[in-house]
């Protein structure tokens, strides 16, 4: 899809608005992790905060905005990563690093607090139940009373300090095995495994020809197929029932962090090292390559309505590429970022235009830009970093 003159004109004047600034004191840092969600006709921006300072005094905070206006701002004793999510039209559940769980209503009133045993909470997903990802553990809770239904424990990989997992059609797909090169599909309602696939070993050159495990570094779904990326640049395509269809080295020696669809013919492969590849679906060959200035640990934003790819790197650069990998514009944000930057997109202020929300800087700031890209009222293009 080509860019209209209006889109190109807008992009050349691309500027960011500082939406939230925590105004931190000297020696203090903080990150805010955004999520966008919708309740009936309203769109909300949730911000989970992780404060830290030189004395290692950590704490958290939950901020919720509607139409750029703050409606909830509550302090939490322990830091929050991605451990927050709406449960239904009126409730928000939060999990912190100390394994405390909080239940708030949409007005910010605390309704319930309880402790969850196990490692620190990093993420929460809500579908039929509330699913907390803790380091090497998945806890499944009832979304009615937050009682623990089941805990699923997984052995950590020797080569990786966190599990790679996705939830799709109420099934859990997770990296497993001592080397992290097994992909397991199991039920969230019990401990039954539907299938398990060994991705095996791969020879590569480090002072000679040595075997290395195909350690899973990303799991994504495109259509009915599952795409697994590895820490040595292999992409494995398989049916949702675990049958491997194709396998190829598409980013040799690099860590694949995400695989997205640009069109029926082309895939986008993001790598931790900050190199993006356009890959032909049929031949599994590269059709283009783009290198950012810094590393990038999160998936790029794909705006199909404008035919644009927007990755973010650790140096605070936002790149605007077309679907052929050509750079249209680069925006430098004068702030301090890490390698886990990403953009969310949707009708945040309900004007039928897409707004972009940039994951927070290390100085406790959230940036947002208004665009001229049309969308349906209240539409969310990307509400979470894994969408």
Protein backbone atom coordinates (compact mmCIF):
# COMPACT_ATOMS: atom_id res chain seq x y z
CA UNK A 1 0.00 0.00 0.00
CA UNK A 2 1.47 3.35 -1.00
CA UNK A 3 1.55 6.48 1.14
CA UNK A 4 -0.68 9.39 0.23
CA UNK A 5 0.74 12.91 0.04
CA UNK A 6 -1.14 13.71 3.26
CA UNK A 7 0.56 10.88 5.13
CA UNK A 8 4.04 11.81 3.89
CA UNK A 9 3.52 15.46 4.77
CA UNK A 10 2.41 14.48 8.26
CA UNK A 11 5.34 12.18 8.86
CA UNK A 12 7.89 14.82 7.96
CA UNK A 13 6.46 16.98 10.74
CA UNK A 14 6.28 14.12 13.26
CA UNK A 15 6.47 15.39 16.88
CA UNK A 16 5.85 13.80 20.27
CA UNK A 17 3.74 15.15 23.13
CA UNK A 18 4.87 14.43 26.69
CA UNK A 19 1.67 12.91 28.04
CA UNK A 20 2.84 11.91 31.54
CA UNK A 21 5.88 13.12 33.48
CA UNK A 22 6.50 11.81 37.00
CA UNK A 23 8.90 14.71 37.73
CA UNK A 24 11.37 12.44 39.51
CA UNK A 25 13.80 13.72 42.12
CA UNK A 26 17.56 13.47 41.66
CA UNK A 27 18.88 9.91 41.91
CA UNK A 28 15.47 8.38 41.20
CA UNK A 29 14.40 6.54 38.05
CA UNK A 30 11.16 4.98 36.92
CA UNK A 31 9.66 3.17 33.99
CA UNK A 32 6.03 3.05 32.94
CA UNK A 33 4.66 0.11 31.00
CA UNK A 34 1.55 1.06 28.97
CA UNK A 35 -1.49 -0.94 27.91
CA UNK A 36 -4.57 0.27 26.04
CA UNK A 37 -7.98 -1.30 26.64
CA UNK A 38 -11.60 -0.56 25.86
CA UNK A 39 -14.72 -0.66 28.01
CA UNK A 40 -17.94 -0.25 26.03
CA UNK A 41 -17.43 3.10 24.26
CA UNK A 42 -14.48 4.29 26.35
CA UNK A 43 -10.75 3.76 25.69
CA UNK A 44 -8.37 3.72 28.66
CA UNK A 45 -4.59 3.96 28.89
CA UNK A 46 -3.15 1.93 31.79
CA UNK A 47 0.35 2.64 33.11
CA UNK A 48 2.11 0.28 35.48
CA UNK A 49 5.08 1.98 37.16
CA UNK A 50 8.38 0.67 38.47
CA UNK A 51 10.25 3.20 40.64
CA UNK A 52 13.84 2.62 41.77
CA UNK A 53 16.65 4.75 43.20
CA UNK A 54 20.32 4.45 44.15
CA UNK A 55 19.35 3.08 47.58
CA UNK A 56 17.33 0.31 45.91
CA UNK A 57 14.12 1.53 47.49
CA UNK A 58 11.58 0.20 45.03
CA UNK A 59 7.87 0.88 44.78
CA UNK A 60 5.08 0.81 42.23
CA UNK A 61 2.16 2.86 40.98
CA UNK A 62 -0.91 2.38 38.82
CA UNK A 63 -2.10 5.28 36.65
CA UNK A 64 -5.15 5.16 34.39
CA UNK A 65 -6.05 7.84 31.85
CA UNK A 66 -9.12 8.44 29.73
CA UNK A 67 -8.98 11.04 26.93
CA UNK A 68 -5.55 12.07 28.27
CA UNK A 69 -7.05 12.84 31.70
CA UNK A 70 -5.90 10.97 34.81
CA UNK A 71 -8.77 9.13 36.52
CA UNK A 72 -6.76 6.70 38.72
CA UNK A 73 -3.43 7.28 40.45
CA UNK A 74 -2.64 4.83 43.27
CA UNK A 75 0.65 3.93 44.95
CA UNK A 76 1.64 0.28 45.35
CA UNK A 77 4.38 -0.88 47.80
CA UNK A 78 6.26 -3.02 45.26
CA UNK A 79 7.20 -2.37 41.59
CA UNK A 80 5.00 -3.40 38.65
CA UNK A 81 6.18 -4.69 35.30
CA UNK A 82 3.41 -5.77 32.89
CA UNK A 83 1.36 -7.26 35.72
CA UNK A 84 -1.89 -5.33 35.27
CA UNK A 85 -5.00 -5.83 33.18
CA UNK A 86 -8.75 -5.14 33.14
CA UNK A 87 -10.84 -8.14 34.17
CA UNK A 88 -14.21 -6.87 33.01
CA UNK A 89 -15.94 -3.56 32.37
CA UNK A 90 -15.33 -2.23 35.88
CA UNK A 91 -12.32 -4.00 37.45
CA UNK A 92 -8.53 -3.87 37.10
CA UNK A 93 -6.23 -6.54 38.53
CA UNK A 94 -2.61 -5.76 39.44
CA UNK A 95 0.28 -8.04 40.44
CA UNK A 96 3.58 -6.69 41.82
CA UNK A 97 7.09 -8.08 42.25
CA UNK A 98 6.37 -9.15 45.83
CA UNK A 99 3.54 -11.41 44.58
CA UNK A 100 0.80 -9.20 45.97
CA UNK A 101 -2.43 -9.04 43.98
CA UNK A 102 -4.69 -5.98 44.04
CA UNK A 103 -8.19 -5.60 42.65
CA UNK A 104 -9.38 -2.06 41.88
CA UNK A 105 -12.57 -0.70 40.45
CA UNK A 106 -12.47 1.81 37.61
CA UNK A 107 -12.63 4.65 40.15
CA UNK A 108 -9.40 3.52 41.80
CA UNK A 109 -10.93 2.04 44.97
CA UNK A 110 -9.11 -1.02 46.32
CA UNK A 111 -11.57 -3.91 46.56
CA UNK A 112 -9.30 -6.81 47.40
CA UNK A 113 -5.68 -7.60 48.22
CA UNK A 114 -4.11 -11.03 48.56
CA UNK A 115 -0.75 -12.76 48.26
CA UNK A 116 0.22 -15.22 45.55
CA UNK A 117 2.97 -17.69 46.41
CA UNK A 118 5.92 -18.15 44.13
CA UNK A 119 8.40 -16.03 42.15
CA UNK A 120 7.86 -12.33 41.26
CA UNK A 121 4.95 -11.46 38.97
CA UNK A 122 5.99 -10.13 35.56
CA UNK A 123 2.85 -10.21 33.44
CA UNK A 124 -0.88 -10.89 33.58
CA UNK A 125 -3.30 -12.02 30.88
CA UNK A 126 -7.06 -12.25 31.14
CA UNK A 127 -9.29 -14.50 29.04
CA UNK A 128 -11.54 -17.09 30.63
CA UNK A 129 -9.40 -16.80 33.76
CA UNK A 130 -6.71 -14.50 35.15
CA UNK A 131 -3.28 -15.83 34.21
CA UNK A 132 -0.19 -14.54 36.04
CA UNK A 133 3.23 -15.16 34.57
CA UNK A 134 5.80 -15.51 37.32
CA UNK A 135 9.40 -16.39 36.66
CA UNK A 136 9.29 -20.06 35.54
CA UNK A 137 5.69 -20.42 36.71
CA UNK A 138 2.15 -19.81 35.41
CA UNK A 139 -0.62 -19.27 37.98
CA UNK A 140 -4.24 -19.55 36.81
CA UNK A 141 -6.84 -17.75 38.94
CA UNK A 142 -10.61 -17.49 38.72
CA UNK A 143 -11.66 -14.10 37.41
CA UNK A 144 -14.65 -14.15 39.76
CA UNK A 145 -12.96 -14.45 43.16
CA UNK A 146 -9.20 -14.56 42.28
CA UNK A 147 -8.82 -18.01 43.81
CA UNK A 148 -5.91 -20.09 42.50
CA UNK A 149 -7.20 -22.79 40.18
CA UNK A 150 -3.89 -24.21 39.04
CA UNK A 151 -0.16 -23.62 39.00
CA UNK A 152 2.05 -24.80 36.18
CA UNK A 153 5.79 -24.93 36.87
CA UNK A 154 8.47 -25.15 34.19
CA UNK A 155 12.17 -25.78 34.47
CA UNK A 156 14.28 -22.79 33.44
CA UNK A 157 16.56 -22.97 30.45
CA UNK A 158 20.29 -23.05 31.12
CA UNK A 159 20.74 -20.37 28.46
CA UNK A 160 17.88 -18.03 29.33
CA UNK A 161 16.59 -16.40 32.52
CA UNK A 162 12.92 -16.19 31.51
CA UNK A 163 10.31 -18.30 29.83
CA UNK A 164 8.98 -17.47 26.37
CA UNK A 165 5.23 -18.09 26.26
CA UNK A 166 2.04 -17.14 24.41
CA UNK A 167 -1.64 -17.82 25.07
CA UNK A 168 -3.71 -18.51 21.97
CA UNK A 169 -7.29 -19.85 21.84
CA UNK A 170 -7.08 -20.56 25.57
CA UNK A 171 -4.05 -22.83 25.14
CA UNK A 172 -0.61 -22.19 26.58
CA UNK A 173 2.38 -22.41 24.25
CA UNK A 174 5.63 -22.31 26.17
CA UNK A 175 9.36 -22.85 25.85
CA UNK A 176 10.51 -25.87 27.80
CA UNK A 177 13.48 -28.14 28.31
CA UNK A 178 16.90 -27.71 29.86
CA UNK A 179 18.12 -25.94 26.74
CA UNK A 180 14.81 -24.20 26.02
CA UNK A 181 14.52 -25.86 22.61
CA UNK A 182 11.25 -27.73 23.27
CA UNK A 183 7.90 -26.12 22.47
CA UNK A 184 5.06 -27.38 24.65
CA UNK A 185 1.34 -26.83 24.08
CA UNK A 186 -0.81 -27.54 27.11
CA UNK A 187 -4.17 -26.80 28.66
CA UNK A 188 -4.67 -23.91 31.05
CA UNK A 189 -7.43 -25.79 32.85
CA UNK A 190 -5.30 -28.80 33.79
CA UNK A 191 -1.76 -30.13 33.45
CA UNK A 192 -2.45 -32.12 30.29
CA UNK A 193 -0.03 -31.58 27.41
CA UNK A 194 -1.56 -31.60 23.92
CA UNK A 195 1.79 -31.94 22.18
CA UNK A 196 5.49 -31.26 22.54
CA UNK A 197 7.99 -30.56 19.74
CA UNK A 198 11.77 -30.81 19.94
CA UNK A 199 13.35 -28.15 17.70
CA UNK A 200 16.63 -30.01 17.92
CA UNK A 201 20.19 -28.80 17.46
CA UNK A 202 21.83 -26.66 14.81
CA UNK A 203 25.45 -26.53 13.70
CA UNK A 204 27.10 -23.13 13.54
CA UNK A 205 30.63 -21.82 13.52
CA UNK A 206 32.37 -20.63 16.68
CA UNK A 207 36.04 -21.57 16.48
CA UNK A 208 34.93 -24.59 14.51
CA UNK A 209 31.71 -26.43 13.75
CA UNK A 210 29.76 -26.85 16.98
CA UNK A 211 26.22 -27.97 17.72
CA UNK A 212 23.91 -25.56 19.54
CA UNK A 213 20.32 -25.96 20.72
CA UNK A 214 17.62 -24.08 18.86
CA UNK A 215 16.60 -22.09 21.94
CA UNK A 216 13.15 -20.54 21.46
CA UNK A 217 13.23 -16.74 21.73
CA UNK A 218 9.81 -15.84 20.27
CA UNK A 219 6.40 -17.40 19.64
CA UNK A 220 3.86 -15.77 17.33
CA UNK A 221 0.69 -16.77 15.47
CA UNK A 222 -0.14 -15.76 11.91
CA UNK A 223 -3.38 -17.19 10.62
CA UNK A 224 -3.59 -20.79 11.81
CA UNK A 225 0.18 -21.29 11.85
CA UNK A 226 2.64 -20.90 14.69
CA UNK A 227 5.97 -19.17 14.05
CA UNK A 228 8.83 -19.82 16.47
CA UNK A 229 12.03 -17.78 16.39
CA UNK A 230 15.30 -18.90 17.96
CA UNK A 231 18.36 -17.36 19.57
CA UNK A 232 20.49 -18.32 16.55
CA UNK A 233 18.22 -16.77 13.92
CA UNK A 234 16.15 -19.77 12.81
CA UNK A 235 12.45 -19.46 12.02
CA UNK A 236 10.29 -22.58 12.37
CA UNK A 237 6.76 -22.64 10.95
CA UNK A 238 4.36 -25.25 12.27
CA UNK A 239 0.70 -26.10 12.38
CA UNK A 240 -1.12 -25.24 15.60
CA UNK A 241 -1.15 -28.97 16.42
CA UNK A 242 2.66 -29.08 16.41
CA UNK A 243 3.55 -30.39 12.94
CA UNK A 244 6.63 -28.60 11.56
CA UNK A 245 6.01 -27.25 8.02
CA UNK A 246 9.13 -25.21 7.26
CA UNK A 247 12.41 -24.24 8.86
CA UNK A 248 15.10 -21.81 7.73
CA UNK A 249 17.88 -19.58 8.98
CA UNK A 250 16.48 -16.11 8.27
CA UNK A 251 18.60 -14.04 10.69
CA UNK A 252 21.79 -16.04 11.00
CA UNK A 253 23.33 -15.74 14.48
CA UNK A 254 20.83 -13.14 15.71
CA UNK A 255 18.14 -13.38 18.41
CA UNK A 256 14.65 -13.28 16.90
CA UNK A 257 12.26 -11.33 19.13
CA UNK A 258 9.09 -11.23 16.99
CA UNK A 259 7.61 -12.36 13.68
CA UNK A 260 4.77 -10.32 12.17
CA UNK A 261 2.83 -10.39 8.89
CA UNK A 262 3.20 -7.41 6.55
CA UNK A 263 1.22 -8.89 3.66
CA UNK A 264 0.18 -12.27 2.26
CA UNK A 265 3.67 -12.58 0.79
CA UNK A 266 6.03 -10.88 3.28
CA UNK A 267 6.85 -11.42 6.96
CA UNK A 268 8.65 -8.99 9.28
CA UNK A 269 11.33 -10.46 11.55
CA UNK A 270 12.54 -8.32 14.49
CA UNK A 271 15.86 -9.13 16.18
CA UNK A 272 17.27 -8.11 19.55
CA UNK A 273 20.34 -6.72 17.82
CA UNK A 274 18.19 -4.06 16.12
CA UNK A 275 18.18 -5.53 12.60
CA UNK A 276 14.85 -6.01 10.81
CA UNK A 277 14.27 -8.37 7.89
CA UNK A 278 11.53 -8.70 5.31
CA UNK A 279 11.13 -12.43 4.59
CA UNK A 280 9.32 -14.03 1.65
CA UNK A 281 6.73 -16.42 3.11
CA UNK A 282 7.10 -19.07 0.43
CA UNK A 283 10.86 -19.13 -0.13
CA UNK A 284 11.89 -18.09 3.43
CA UNK A 285 14.47 -15.80 1.79
CA UNK A 286 15.27 -12.21 2.74
CA UNK A 287 13.83 -9.55 0.46
CA UNK A 288 15.15 -6.57 2.46
CA UNK A 289 17.15 -5.68 5.58
CA UNK A 290 17.25 -2.60 7.81
CA UNK A 291 19.63 -1.89 10.71
CA UNK A 292 18.80 0.46 13.57
CA UNK A 293 21.39 2.38 15.60
CA UNK A 294 20.65 0.52 18.83
CA UNK A 295 19.30 -2.75 20.15
CA UNK A 296 15.57 -3.46 20.29
CA UNK A 297 13.98 -6.06 22.53
CA UNK A 298 10.30 -5.62 21.63
CA UNK A 299 8.20 -6.05 18.46
CA UNK A 300 7.81 -3.21 15.97
CA UNK A 301 4.44 -1.56 15.48
CA UNK A 302 2.92 -2.48 12.10
CA UNK A 303 0.38 0.06 10.79
CA UNK A 304 -1.25 -1.70 7.85
CA UNK A 305 -3.64 1.21 7.22
CA UNK A 306 -0.62 3.35 6.25
CA UNK A 307 1.75 0.61 5.05
CA UNK A 308 4.25 1.54 7.78
CA UNK A 309 6.58 -0.22 10.23
CA UNK A 310 7.58 1.70 13.38
CA UNK A 311 10.39 0.10 15.42
CA UNK A 312 12.01 1.74 18.48
CA UNK A 313 15.62 1.27 19.60
CA UNK A 314 17.50 1.70 22.89
CA UNK A 315 18.88 5.08 21.83
CA UNK A 316 15.44 6.68 21.74
CA UNK A 317 15.04 6.55 17.96
CA UNK A 318 11.69 5.88 16.31
CA UNK A 319 12.05 4.72 12.72
CA UNK A 320 9.32 4.98 10.10
CA UNK A 321 9.77 2.37 7.36
CA UNK A 322 7.55 1.38 4.47
CA UNK A 323 6.76 -2.28 3.82
CA UNK A 324 9.78 -2.50 1.48
CA UNK A 325 12.12 -1.63 4.35
CA UNK A 326 12.87 1.88 3.11
CA UNK A 327 13.40 4.55 5.77
CA UNK A 328 10.85 7.37 5.44
CA UNK A 329 11.70 9.25 8.63
CA UNK A 330 13.65 8.91 11.89
CA UNK A 331 12.62 10.71 15.07
CA UNK A 332 15.03 11.13 17.98
CA UNK A 333 13.49 11.52 21.45
CA UNK A 334 15.76 13.50 23.78
CA UNK A 335 15.41 11.22 26.79
CA UNK A 336 16.91 8.03 28.24
CA UNK A 337 15.53 4.68 27.09
CA UNK A 338 16.40 0.99 27.33
CA UNK A 339 16.24 -1.72 24.69
CA UNK A 340 12.62 -2.64 25.48
CA UNK A 341 10.92 0.30 23.78
CA UNK A 342 7.76 -0.13 21.72
CA UNK A 343 4.77 1.78 20.38
CA UNK A 344 1.08 1.10 21.01
CA UNK A 345 -1.61 2.45 18.69
CA UNK A 346 -5.32 3.19 18.81
CA UNK A 347 -8.02 5.82 19.11
CA UNK A 348 -6.88 6.87 22.57
CA UNK A 349 -8.63 10.28 22.64
CA UNK A 350 -11.67 9.01 20.68
CA UNK A 351 -11.32 11.34 17.67
CA UNK A 352 -11.40 8.54 15.06
CA UNK A 353 -7.67 9.03 14.41
CA UNK A 354 -4.81 6.77 15.49
CA UNK A 355 -2.68 7.95 18.41
CA UNK A 356 0.73 6.42 19.12
CA UNK A 357 1.88 5.77 22.70
CA UNK A 358 5.60 5.23 23.37
CA UNK A 359 6.65 2.99 26.25
CA UNK A 360 8.08 5.06 29.11
CA UNK A 361 11.60 6.42 29.34
CA UNK A 362 13.90 5.72 32.29
CA UNK A 363 13.04 9.22 33.52
CA UNK A 364 9.41 8.33 34.13
CA UNK A 365 7.82 9.87 31.03
CA UNK A 366 5.22 8.63 28.56
CA UNK A 367 5.07 10.19 25.09
CA UNK A 368 2.14 10.26 22.68
CA UNK A 369 1.55 11.64 19.19
CA UNK A 370 -1.65 12.47 17.36
CA UNK A 371 -1.73 11.24 13.77
CA UNK A 372 -3.90 11.82 10.72
CA UNK A 373 -4.32 8.08 10.15
CA UNK A 374 -8.07 7.32 10.28
CA UNK A 375 -9.52 4.40 12.23
CA UNK A 376 -12.89 3.33 13.57
CA UNK A 377 -14.07 5.10 16.69
CA UNK A 378 -12.51 3.53 19.83
CA UNK A 379 -10.49 1.09 17.69
CA UNK A 380 -7.35 -0.36 19.26
CA UNK A 381 -4.68 -1.28 16.72
CA UNK A 382 -2.16 -2.53 19.27
CA UNK A 383 -3.05 -2.48 22.94
CA UNK A 384 -0.20 -4.58 24.30
CA UNK A 385 3.39 -5.12 23.25
CA UNK A 386 2.64 -8.68 22.07
CA UNK A 387 -0.45 -7.81 20.03
